[in-house]
Amino acid sequence: MRVVRLSKHLRDDKNEYIMSKQILRSGTSIGANISEALCGQSKKDFFAKMYIAYKEAAETAYWLEVLYKSEYLTITEYSSLNNDNHEILKILSSITKKSER
């Protein structure tokens, strides 16, 4: 939900529409793919969806960095969001490594 609020903040308060759309898409895709994985038809399907979620979290990290470097995010905002996203990446990495075996 933080990425949804971030996207709204970028549009409403910063008049930024392109990157706000990108981070909204990648950030919400993480949860959507996890939800699909939990309903996977097989272990292979579960792994594929979790790996897509991992890749979307990596893309979200990219957009956070771009937003910070282009001064749409303060260091405090960036650090907080990036730390949360980094934790998600670690969790998804662990899940995908374990389910690959």
PDB file of N, CA and C in Angstrom:
ATOM      1  N   MET A   1       0.822  -1.193   0.000  1.00  0.00           N
ATOM      2  CA  MET A   1       0.000   0.000   0.000  1.00  0.00           C
ATOM      3  C   MET A   1       0.864   1.255   0.000  1.00  0.00           C
ATOM      4  N   ARG A   2       2.076   1.131   0.487  1.00  0.00           N
ATOM      5  CA  ARG A   2       2.961   2.314   0.489  1.00  0.00           C
ATOM      6  C   ARG A   2       3.245   2.778  -0.931  1.00  0.00           C
ATOM      7  N   VAL A   3       3.391   1.843  -1.859  1.00  0.00           N
ATOM      8  CA  VAL A   3       3.687   2.233  -3.233  1.00  0.00           C
ATOM      9  C   VAL A   3       2.469   2.900  -3.880  1.00  0.00           C
ATOM     10  N   VAL A   4       1.276   2.518  -3.475  1.00  0.00           N
ATOM     11  CA  VAL A   4       0.064   3.171  -3.978  1.00  0.00           C
ATOM     12  C   VAL A   4       0.021   4.618  -3.479  1.00  0.00           C
ATOM     13  N   ARG A   5       0.309   4.798  -2.193  1.00  0.00           N
ATOM     14  CA  ARG A   5       0.343   6.158  -1.641  1.00  0.00           C
ATOM     15  C   ARG A   5       1.458   6.989  -2.260  1.00  0.00           C
ATOM     16  N   LEU A   6       2.612   6.359  -2.522  1.00  0.00           N
ATOM     17  CA  LEU A   6       3.717   7.063  -3.165  1.00  0.00           C
ATOM     18  C   LEU A   6       3.308   7.536  -4.552  1.00  0.00           C
ATOM     19  N   SER A   7       2.693   6.676  -5.317  1.00  0.00           N
ATOM     20  CA  SER A   7       2.267   7.041  -6.663  1.00  0.00           C
ATOM     21  C   SER A   7       1.289   8.216  -6.628  1.00  0.00           C
ATOM     22  N   LYS A   8       0.349   8.154  -5.711  1.00  0.00           N
ATOM     23  CA  LYS A   8      -0.619   9.256  -5.562  1.00  0.00           C
ATOM     24  C   LYS A   8       0.093  10.548  -5.173  1.00  0.00           C
ATOM     25  N   HIS A   9       1.036  10.471  -4.250  1.00  0.00           N
ATOM     26  CA  HIS A   9       1.818  11.642  -3.821  1.00  0.00           C
ATOM     27  C   HIS A   9       2.596  12.233  -4.999  1.00  0.00           C
ATOM     28  N   LEU A  10       3.202  11.368  -5.802  1.00  0.00           N
ATOM     29  CA  LEU A  10       3.978  11.851  -6.941  1.00  0.00           C
ATOM     30  C   LEU A  10       3.084  12.567  -7.954  1.00  0.00           C
ATOM     31  N   ARG A  11       1.911  12.027  -8.194  1.00  0.00           N
ATOM     32  CA  ARG A  11       0.986  12.650  -9.144  1.00  0.00           C
ATOM     33  C   ARG A  11       0.391  13.941  -8.590  1.00  0.00           C
ATOM     34  N   ASP A  12      -0.138  13.871  -7.369  1.00  0.00           N
ATOM     35  CA  ASP A  12      -0.880  14.996  -6.811  1.00  0.00           C
ATOM     36  C   ASP A  12       0.012  16.139  -6.333  1.00  0.00           C
ATOM     37  N   ASP A  13       1.122  15.807  -5.686  1.00  0.00           N
ATOM     38  CA  ASP A  13       1.959  16.837  -5.066  1.00  0.00           C
ATOM     39  C   ASP A  13       3.170  17.239  -5.908  1.00  0.00           C
ATOM     40  N   LYS A  14       3.652  16.346  -6.750  1.00  0.00           N
ATOM     41  CA  LYS A  14       4.873  16.615  -7.519  1.00  0.00           C
ATOM     42  C   LYS A  14       4.611  16.752  -9.018  1.00  0.00           C
ATOM     43  N   ASN A  15       3.366  16.510  -9.430  1.00  0.00           N
ATOM     44  CA  ASN A  15       3.005  16.551 -10.857  1.00  0.00           C
ATOM     45  C   ASN A  15       3.890  15.658 -11.720  1.00  0.00           C
ATOM     46  N   GLU A  16       4.196  14.481 -11.213  1.00  0.00           N
ATOM     47  CA  GLU A  16       5.023  13.511 -11.925  1.00  0.00           C
ATOM     48  C   GLU A  16       4.122  12.335 -12.302  1.00  0.00           C
ATOM     49  N   TYR A  17       4.014  12.069 -13.597  1.00  0.00           N
ATOM     50  CA  TYR A  17       3.039  11.084 -14.057  1.00  0.00           C
ATOM     51  C   TYR A  17       3.648   9.823 -14.662  1.00  0.00           C
ATOM     52  N   ILE A  18       4.816   9.915 -15.266  1.00  0.00           N
ATOM     53  CA  ILE A  18       5.401   8.754 -15.945  1.00  0.00           C
ATOM     54  C   ILE A  18       5.990   7.768 -14.936  1.00  0.00           C
ATOM     55  N   MET A  19       6.912   8.243 -14.109  1.00  0.00           N
ATOM     56  CA  MET A  19       7.552   7.338 -13.142  1.00  0.00           C
ATOM     57  C   MET A  19       6.564   6.882 -12.072  1.00  0.00           C
ATOM     58  N   SER A  20       5.598   7.738 -11.735  1.00  0.00           N
ATOM     59  CA  SER A  20       4.602   7.325 -10.735  1.00  0.00           C
ATOM     60  C   SER A  20       3.789   6.144 -11.246  1.00  0.00           C
ATOM     61  N   LYS A  21       3.534   6.132 -12.539  1.00  0.00           N
ATOM     62  CA  LYS A  21       2.803   5.018 -13.146  1.00  0.00           C
ATOM     63  C   LYS A  21       3.671   3.759 -13.163  1.00  0.00           C
ATOM     64  N   GLN A  22       4.959   3.924 -13.458  1.00  0.00           N
ATOM     65  CA  GLN A  22       5.874   2.781 -13.516  1.00  0.00           C
ATOM     66  C   GLN A  22       6.030   2.121 -12.144  1.00  0.00           C
ATOM     67  N   ILE A  23       6.245   2.939 -11.117  1.00  0.00           N
ATOM     68  CA  ILE A  23       6.447   2.359  -9.782  1.00  0.00           C
ATOM     69  C   ILE A  23       5.148   1.758  -9.253  1.00  0.00           C
ATOM     70  N   LEU A  24       4.015   2.341  -9.606  1.00  0.00           N
ATOM     71  CA  LEU A  24       2.726   1.763  -9.213  1.00  0.00           C
ATOM     72  C   LEU A  24       2.557   0.391  -9.863  1.00  0.00           C
ATOM     73  N   ARG A  25       2.907   0.288 -11.148  1.00  0.00           N
ATOM     74  CA  ARG A  25       2.758  -0.971 -11.870  1.00  0.00           C
ATOM     75  C   ARG A  25       3.672  -2.051 -11.283  1.00  0.00           C
ATOM     76  N   SER A  26       4.959  -1.731 -11.117  1.00  0.00           N
ATOM     77  CA  SER A  26       5.886  -2.758 -10.617  1.00  0.00           C
ATOM     78  C   SER A  26       5.624  -3.090  -9.148  1.00  0.00           C
ATOM     79  N   GLY A  27       5.338  -2.065  -8.350  1.00  0.00           N
ATOM     80  CA  GLY A  27       5.117  -2.277  -6.921  1.00  0.00           C
ATOM     81  C   GLY A  27       3.879  -3.092  -6.601  1.00  0.00           C
ATOM     82  N   THR A  28       2.802  -2.857  -7.342  1.00  0.00           N
ATOM     83  CA  THR A  28       1.577  -3.628  -7.087  1.00  0.00           C
ATOM     84  C   THR A  28       1.632  -5.007  -7.728  1.00  0.00           C
ATOM     85  N   SER A  29       2.472  -5.157  -8.737  1.00  0.00           N
ATOM     86  CA  SER A  29       2.626  -6.452  -9.386  1.00  0.00           C
ATOM     87  C   SER A  29       3.267  -7.486  -8.457  1.00  0.00           C
ATOM     88  N   ILE A  30       4.059  -7.010  -7.503  1.00  0.00           N
ATOM     89  CA  ILE A  30       4.693  -7.929  -6.548  1.00  0.00           C
ATOM     90  C   ILE A  30       3.610  -8.728  -5.820  1.00  0.00           C
ATOM     91  N   GLY A  31       2.691  -8.033  -5.208  1.00  0.00           N
ATOM     92  CA  GLY A  31       1.616  -8.692  -4.459  1.00  0.00           C
ATOM     93  C   GLY A  31       0.704  -9.517  -5.334  1.00  0.00           C
ATOM     94  N   ALA A  32       0.420  -9.026  -6.545  1.00  0.00           N
ATOM     95  CA  ALA A  32      -0.453  -9.761  -7.458  1.00  0.00           C
ATOM     96  C   ALA A  32       0.167 -11.108  -7.833  1.00  0.00           C
ATOM     97  N   ASN A  33       1.464 -11.110  -8.087  1.00  0.00           N
ATOM     98  CA  ASN A  33       2.129 -12.359  -8.458  1.00  0.00           C
ATOM     99  C   ASN A  33       2.264 -13.313  -7.276  1.00  0.00           C
ATOM    100  N   ILE A  34       2.460 -12.782  -6.086  1.00  0.00           N
ATOM    101  CA  ILE A  34       2.496 -13.640  -4.897  1.00  0.00           C
ATOM    102  C   ILE A  34       1.130 -14.288  -4.704  1.00  0.00           C
ATOM    103  N   SER A  35       0.075 -13.500  -4.869  1.00  0.00           N
ATOM    104  CA  SER A  35      -1.286 -14.023  -4.737  1.00  0.00           C
ATOM    105  C   SER A  35      -1.542 -15.140  -5.753  1.00  0.00           C
ATOM    106  N   GLU A  36      -1.092 -14.924  -6.983  1.00  0.00           N
ATOM    107  CA  GLU A  36      -1.242 -15.970  -8.004  1.00  0.00           C
ATOM    108  C   GLU A  36      -0.422 -17.209  -7.653  1.00  0.00           C
ATOM    109  N   ALA A  37       0.785 -17.002  -7.121  1.00  0.00           N
ATOM    110  CA  ALA A  37       1.645 -18.136  -6.763  1.00  0.00           C
ATOM    111  C   ALA A  37       0.985 -19.005  -5.708  1.00  0.00           C
ATOM    112  N   LEU A  38       0.335 -18.380  -4.755  1.00  0.00           N
ATOM    113  CA  LEU A  38      -0.307 -19.132  -3.676  1.00  0.00           C
ATOM    114  C   LEU A  38      -1.446 -20.002  -4.189  1.00  0.00           C
ATOM    115  N   CYS A  39      -1.961 -19.666  -5.355  1.00  0.00           N
ATOM    116  CA  CYS A  39      -3.013 -20.471  -5.976  1.00  0.00           C
ATOM    117  C   CYS A  39      -2.463 -21.281  -7.147  1.00  0.00           C
ATOM    118  N   GLY A  40      -1.152 -21.432  -7.195  1.00  0.00           N
ATOM    119  CA  GLY A  40      -0.500 -22.135  -8.297  1.00  0.00           C
ATOM    120  C   GLY A  40      -0.986 -23.562  -8.450  1.00  0.00           C
ATOM    121  N   GLN A  41      -0.986 -24.014  -9.680  1.00  0.00           N
ATOM    122  CA  GLN A  41      -1.465 -25.359  -9.983  1.00  0.00           C
ATOM    123  C   GLN A  41      -0.401 -26.424  -9.760  1.00  0.00           C
ATOM    124  N   SER A  42       0.851 -25.987  -9.652  1.00  0.00           N
ATOM    125  CA  SER A  42       1.945 -26.926  -9.450  1.00  0.00           C
ATOM    126  C   SER A  42       3.094 -26.199  -8.765  1.00  0.00           C
ATOM    127  N   LYS A  43       4.097 -26.958  -8.347  1.00  0.00           N
ATOM    128  CA  LYS A  43       5.282 -26.337  -7.748  1.00  0.00           C
ATOM    129  C   LYS A  43       6.007 -25.466  -8.772  1.00  0.00           C
ATOM    130  N   LYS A  44       6.013 -25.912 -10.002  1.00  0.00           N
ATOM    131  CA  LYS A  44       6.650 -25.147 -11.073  1.00  0.00           C
ATOM    132  C   LYS A  44       5.918 -23.813 -11.285  1.00  0.00           C
ATOM    133  N   ASP A  45       4.610 -23.837 -11.254  1.00  0.00           N
ATOM    134  CA  ASP A  45       3.796 -22.626 -11.400  1.00  0.00           C
ATOM    135  C   ASP A  45       4.045 -21.684 -10.217  1.00  0.00           C
ATOM    136  N   PHE A  46       4.103 -22.250  -9.010  1.00  0.00           N
ATOM    137  CA  PHE A  46       4.392 -21.462  -7.808  1.00  0.00           C
ATOM    138  C   PHE A  46       5.740 -20.760  -7.952  1.00  0.00           C
ATOM    139  N   PHE A  47       6.774 -21.517  -8.348  1.00  0.00           N
ATOM    140  CA  PHE A  47       8.113 -20.948  -8.509  1.00  0.00           C
ATOM    141  C   PHE A  47       8.114 -19.835  -9.559  1.00  0.00           C
ATOM    142  N   ALA A  48       7.465 -20.070 -10.683  1.00  0.00           N
ATOM    143  CA  ALA A  48       7.456 -19.084 -11.773  1.00  0.00           C
ATOM    144  C   ALA A  48       6.841 -17.766 -11.313  1.00  0.00           C
ATOM    145  N   LYS A  49       5.719 -17.836 -10.613  1.00  0.00           N
ATOM    146  CA  LYS A  49       5.049 -16.613 -10.150  1.00  0.00           C
ATOM    147  C   LYS A  49       5.851 -15.914  -9.061  1.00  0.00           C
ATOM    148  N   MET A  50       6.453 -16.677  -8.166  1.00  0.00           N
ATOM    149  CA  MET A  50       7.286 -16.057  -7.126  1.00  0.00           C
ATOM    150  C   MET A  50       8.512 -15.390  -7.740  1.00  0.00           C
ATOM    151  N   TYR A  51       9.067 -16.000  -8.771  1.00  0.00           N
ATOM    152  CA  TYR A  51      10.221 -15.404  -9.424  1.00  0.00           C
ATOM    153  C   TYR A  51       9.839 -14.117 -10.152  1.00  0.00           C
ATOM    154  N   ILE A  52       8.660 -14.095 -10.742  1.00  0.00           N
ATOM    155  CA  ILE A  52       8.171 -12.859 -11.368  1.00  0.00           C
ATOM    156  C   ILE A  52       8.005 -11.784 -10.299  1.00  0.00           C
ATOM    157  N   ALA A  53       7.470 -12.147  -9.144  1.00  0.00           N
ATOM    158  CA  ALA A  53       7.327 -11.185  -8.035  1.00  0.00           C
ATOM    159  C   ALA A  53       8.694 -10.637  -7.632  1.00  0.00           C
ATOM    160  N   TYR A  54       9.697 -11.521  -7.586  1.00  0.00           N
ATOM    161  CA  TYR A  54      11.070 -11.100  -7.256  1.00  0.00           C
ATOM    162  C   TYR A  54      11.575 -10.087  -8.290  1.00  0.00           C
ATOM    163  N   LYS A  55      11.359 -10.376  -9.563  1.00  0.00           N
ATOM    164  CA  LYS A  55      11.815  -9.461 -10.616  1.00  0.00           C
ATOM    165  C   LYS A  55      11.086  -8.122 -10.539  1.00  0.00           C
ATOM    166  N   GLU A  56       9.823  -8.137 -10.186  1.00  0.00           N
ATOM    167  CA  GLU A  56       9.064  -6.882 -10.049  1.00  0.00           C
ATOM    168  C   GLU A  56       9.587  -6.073  -8.867  1.00  0.00           C
ATOM    169  N   ALA A  57       9.986  -6.749  -7.792  1.00  0.00           N
ATOM    170  CA  ALA A  57      10.571  -6.047  -6.646  1.00  0.00           C
ATOM    171  C   ALA A  57      11.912  -5.425  -7.037  1.00  0.00           C
ATOM    172  N   ALA A  58      12.685  -6.120  -7.873  1.00  0.00           N
ATOM    173  CA  ALA A  58      13.950  -5.567  -8.363  1.00  0.00           C
ATOM    174  C   ALA A  58      13.683  -4.338  -9.231  1.00  0.00           C
ATOM    175  N   GLU A  59      12.660  -4.393 -10.052  1.00  0.00           N
ATOM    176  CA  GLU A  59      12.296  -3.227 -10.867  1.00  0.00           C
ATOM    177  C   GLU A  59      11.837  -2.069  -9.985  1.00  0.00           C
ATOM    178  N   THR A  60      11.095  -2.375  -8.946  1.00  0.00           N
ATOM    179  CA  THR A  60      10.647  -1.333  -8.016  1.00  0.00           C
ATOM    180  C   THR A  60      11.846  -0.651  -7.372  1.00  0.00           C
ATOM    181  N   ALA A  61      12.869  -1.423  -7.026  1.00  0.00           N
ATOM    182  CA  ALA A  61      14.100  -0.846  -6.466  1.00  0.00           C
ATOM    183  C   ALA A  61      14.721   0.130  -7.456  1.00  0.00           C
ATOM    184  N   TYR A  62      14.713  -0.224  -8.722  1.00  0.00           N
ATOM    185  CA  TYR A  62      15.243   0.659  -9.762  1.00  0.00           C
ATOM    186  C   TYR A  62      14.478   1.988  -9.798  1.00  0.00           C
ATOM    187  N   TRP A  63      13.148   1.903  -9.814  1.00  0.00           N
ATOM    188  CA  TRP A  63      12.335   3.130  -9.894  1.00  0.00           C
ATOM    189  C   TRP A  63      12.497   3.980  -8.643  1.00  0.00           C
ATOM    190  N   LEU A  64      12.641   3.359  -7.488  1.00  0.00           N
ATOM    191  CA  LEU A  64      12.891   4.129  -6.267  1.00  0.00           C
ATOM    192  C   LEU A  64      14.196   4.905  -6.377  1.00  0.00           C
ATOM    193  N   GLU A  65      15.220   4.254  -6.898  1.00  0.00           N
ATOM    194  CA  GLU A  65      16.510   4.921  -7.056  1.00  0.00           C
ATOM    195  C   GLU A  65      16.416   6.078  -8.055  1.00  0.00           C
ATOM    196  N   VAL A  66      15.721   5.859  -9.160  1.00  0.00           N
ATOM    197  CA  VAL A  66      15.544   6.931 -10.153  1.00  0.00           C
ATOM    198  C   VAL A  66      14.785   8.106  -9.540  1.00  0.00           C
ATOM    199  N   LEU A  67      13.742   7.811  -8.791  1.00  0.00           N
ATOM    200  CA  LEU A  67      12.963   8.874  -8.145  1.00  0.00           C
ATOM    201  C   LEU A  67      13.808   9.651  -7.141  1.00  0.00           C
ATOM    202  N   TYR A  68      14.670   8.955  -6.422  1.00  0.00           N
ATOM    203  CA  TYR A  68      15.554   9.622  -5.474  1.00  0.00           C
ATOM    204  C   TYR A  68      16.588  10.481  -6.202  1.00  0.00           C
ATOM    205  N   LYS A  69      17.238   9.897  -7.186  1.00  0.00           N
ATOM    206  CA  LYS A  69      18.295  10.627  -7.895  1.00  0.00           C
ATOM    207  C   LYS A  69      17.762  11.798  -8.706  1.00  0.00           C
ATOM    208  N   SER A  70      16.493  11.736  -9.080  1.00  0.00           N
ATOM    209  CA  SER A  70      15.882  12.856  -9.802  1.00  0.00           C
ATOM    210  C   SER A  70      15.193  13.834  -8.843  1.00  0.00           C
ATOM    211  N   GLU A  71      15.406  13.616  -7.550  1.00  0.00           N
ATOM    212  CA  GLU A  71      14.956  14.502  -6.466  1.00  0.00           C
ATOM    213  C   GLU A  71      13.438  14.574  -6.285  1.00  0.00           C
ATOM    214  N   TYR A  72      12.744  13.507  -6.675  1.00  0.00           N
ATOM    215  CA  TYR A  72      11.319  13.399  -6.369  1.00  0.00           C
ATOM    216  C   TYR A  72      11.104  12.814  -4.978  1.00  0.00           C
ATOM    217  N   LEU A  73      12.117  12.109  -4.467  1.00  0.00           N
ATOM    218  CA  LEU A  73      12.065  11.550  -3.115  1.00  0.00           C
ATOM    219  C   LEU A  73      13.204  12.133  -2.293  1.00  0.00           C
ATOM    220  N   THR A  74      12.922  12.403  -1.027  1.00  0.00           N
ATOM    221  CA  THR A  74      13.979  12.817  -0.110  1.00  0.00           C
ATOM    222  C   THR A  74      14.768  11.584   0.298  1.00  0.00           C
ATOM    223  N   ILE A  75      15.898  11.785   0.926  1.00  0.00           N
ATOM    224  CA  ILE A  75      16.701  10.653   1.400  1.00  0.00           C
ATOM    225  C   ILE A  75      15.924   9.838   2.432  1.00  0.00           C
ATOM    226  N   THR A  76      15.143  10.512   3.259  1.00  0.00           N
ATOM    227  CA  THR A  76      14.342   9.815   4.269  1.00  0.00           C
ATOM    228  C   THR A  76      13.269   8.955   3.616  1.00  0.00           C
ATOM    229  N   GLU A  77      12.555   9.520   2.639  1.00  0.00           N
ATOM    230  CA  GLU A  77      11.511   8.767   1.932  1.00  0.00           C
ATOM    231  C   GLU A  77      12.125   7.582   1.191  1.00  0.00           C
ATOM    232  N   TYR A  78      13.202   7.860   0.475  1.00  0.00           N
ATOM    233  CA  TYR A  78      13.874   6.807  -0.294  1.00  0.00           C
ATOM    234  C   TYR A  78      14.363   5.689   0.622  1.00  0.00           C
ATOM    235  N   SER A  79      15.045   6.042   1.690  1.00  0.00           N
ATOM    236  CA  SER A  79      15.602   5.031   2.595  1.00  0.00           C
ATOM    237  C   SER A  79      14.518   4.136   3.171  1.00  0.00           C
ATOM    238  N   SER A  80      13.429   4.737   3.605  1.00  0.00           N
ATOM    239  CA  SER A  80      12.342   3.965   4.199  1.00  0.00           C
ATOM    240  C   SER A  80      11.715   3.003   3.185  1.00  0.00           C
ATOM    241  N   LEU A  81      11.370   3.520   2.013  1.00  0.00           N
ATOM    242  CA  LEU A  81      10.761   2.680   0.982  1.00  0.00           C
ATOM    243  C   LEU A  81      11.736   1.630   0.468  1.00  0.00           C
ATOM    244  N   ASN A  82      12.986   2.023   0.264  1.00  0.00           N
ATOM    245  CA  ASN A  82      13.990   1.098  -0.237  1.00  0.00           C
ATOM    246  C   ASN A  82      14.269  -0.016   0.768  1.00  0.00           C
ATOM    247  N   ASN A  83      14.314   0.315   2.056  1.00  0.00           N
ATOM    248  CA  ASN A  83      14.517  -0.719   3.082  1.00  0.00           C
ATOM    249  C   ASN A  83      13.388  -1.735   3.073  1.00  0.00           C
ATOM    250  N   ASP A  84      12.151  -1.255   2.986  1.00  0.00           N
ATOM    251  CA  ASP A  84      11.013  -2.180   2.921  1.00  0.00           C
ATOM    252  C   ASP A  84      11.103  -3.070   1.686  1.00  0.00           C
ATOM    253  N   ASN A  85      11.423  -2.460   0.555  1.00  0.00           N
ATOM    254  CA  ASN A  85      11.512  -3.226  -0.686  1.00  0.00           C
ATOM    255  C   ASN A  85      12.665  -4.230  -0.621  1.00  0.00           C
ATOM    256  N   HIS A  86      13.771  -3.835  -0.002  1.00  0.00           N
ATOM    257  CA  HIS A  86      14.913  -4.742   0.143  1.00  0.00           C
ATOM    258  C   HIS A  86      14.531  -5.975   0.982  1.00  0.00           C
ATOM    259  N   GLU A  87      13.738  -5.774   2.016  1.00  0.00           N
ATOM    260  CA  GLU A  87      13.265  -6.906   2.828  1.00  0.00           C
ATOM    261  C   GLU A  87      12.388  -7.838   1.997  1.00  0.00           C
ATOM    262  N   ILE A  88      11.536  -7.262   1.160  1.00  0.00           N
ATOM    263  CA  ILE A  88      10.691  -8.070   0.275  1.00  0.00           C
ATOM    264  C   ILE A  88      11.567  -8.869  -0.684  1.00  0.00           C
ATOM    265  N   LEU A  89      12.592  -8.223  -1.235  1.00  0.00           N
ATOM    266  CA  LEU A  89      13.522  -8.925  -2.133  1.00  0.00           C
ATOM    267  C   LEU A  89      14.198 -10.097  -1.422  1.00  0.00           C
ATOM    268  N   LYS A  90      14.636  -9.906  -0.183  1.00  0.00           N
ATOM    269  CA  LYS A  90      15.286 -10.990   0.556  1.00  0.00           C
ATOM    270  C   LYS A  90      14.327 -12.153   0.791  1.00  0.00           C
ATOM    271  N   ILE A  91      13.100 -11.852   1.160  1.00  0.00           N
ATOM    272  CA  ILE A  91      12.100 -12.898   1.392  1.00  0.00           C
ATOM    273  C   ILE A  91      11.832 -13.676   0.108  1.00  0.00           C
ATOM    274  N   LEU A  92      11.612 -12.937  -0.985  1.00  0.00           N
ATOM    275  CA  LEU A  92      11.315 -13.594  -2.261  1.00  0.00           C
ATOM    276  C   LEU A  92      12.515 -14.382  -2.776  1.00  0.00           C
ATOM    277  N   SER A  93      13.707 -13.888  -2.540  1.00  0.00           N
ATOM    278  CA  SER A  93      14.913 -14.618  -2.936  1.00  0.00           C
ATOM    279  C   SER A  93      14.997 -15.950  -2.191  1.00  0.00           C
ATOM    280  N   SER A  94      14.730 -15.909  -0.906  1.00  0.00           N
ATOM    281  CA  SER A  94      14.753 -17.130  -0.097  1.00  0.00           C
ATOM    282  C   SER A  94      13.696 -18.124  -0.577  1.00  0.00           C
ATOM    283  N   ILE A  95      12.503 -17.624  -0.840  1.00  0.00           N
ATOM    284  CA  ILE A  95      11.415 -18.499  -1.302  1.00  0.00           C
ATOM    285  C   ILE A  95      11.772 -19.141  -2.635  1.00  0.00           C
ATOM    286  N   THR A  96      12.279 -18.333  -3.573  1.00  0.00           N
ATOM    287  CA  THR A  96      12.576 -18.888  -4.892  1.00  0.00           C
ATOM    288  C   THR A  96      13.749 -19.876  -4.827  1.00  0.00           C
ATOM    289  N   LYS A  97      14.744 -19.600  -4.001  1.00  0.00           N
ATOM    290  CA  LYS A  97      15.871 -20.531  -3.885  1.00  0.00           C
ATOM    291  C   LYS A  97      15.415 -21.864  -3.308  1.00  0.00           C
ATOM    292  N   LYS A  98      14.544 -21.803  -2.281  1.00  0.00           N
ATOM    293  CA  LYS A  98      14.062 -23.036  -1.651  1.00  0.00           C
ATOM    294  C   LYS A  98      13.124 -23.807  -2.570  1.00  0.00           C
ATOM    295  N   SER A  99      12.289 -23.103  -3.328  1.00  0.00           N
ATOM    296  CA  SER A  99      11.340 -23.825  -4.176  1.00  0.00           C
ATOM    297  C   SER A  99      11.985 -24.311  -5.471  1.00  0.00           C
ATOM    298  N   GLU A 100      13.166 -23.804  -5.792  1.00  0.00           N
ATOM    299  CA  GLU A 100      13.887 -24.265  -6.980  1.00  0.00           C
ATOM    300  C   GLU A 100      14.457 -25.667  -6.754  1.00  0.00           C
ATOM    301  N   ARG A 101      14.742 -25.996  -5.515  1.00  0.00           N
ATOM    302  CA  ARG A 101      15.338 -27.296  -5.183  1.00  0.00           C
ATOM    303  C   ARG A 101      14.371 -28.428  -5.325  1.00  0.00           C
TER     304      ARG A 101
END
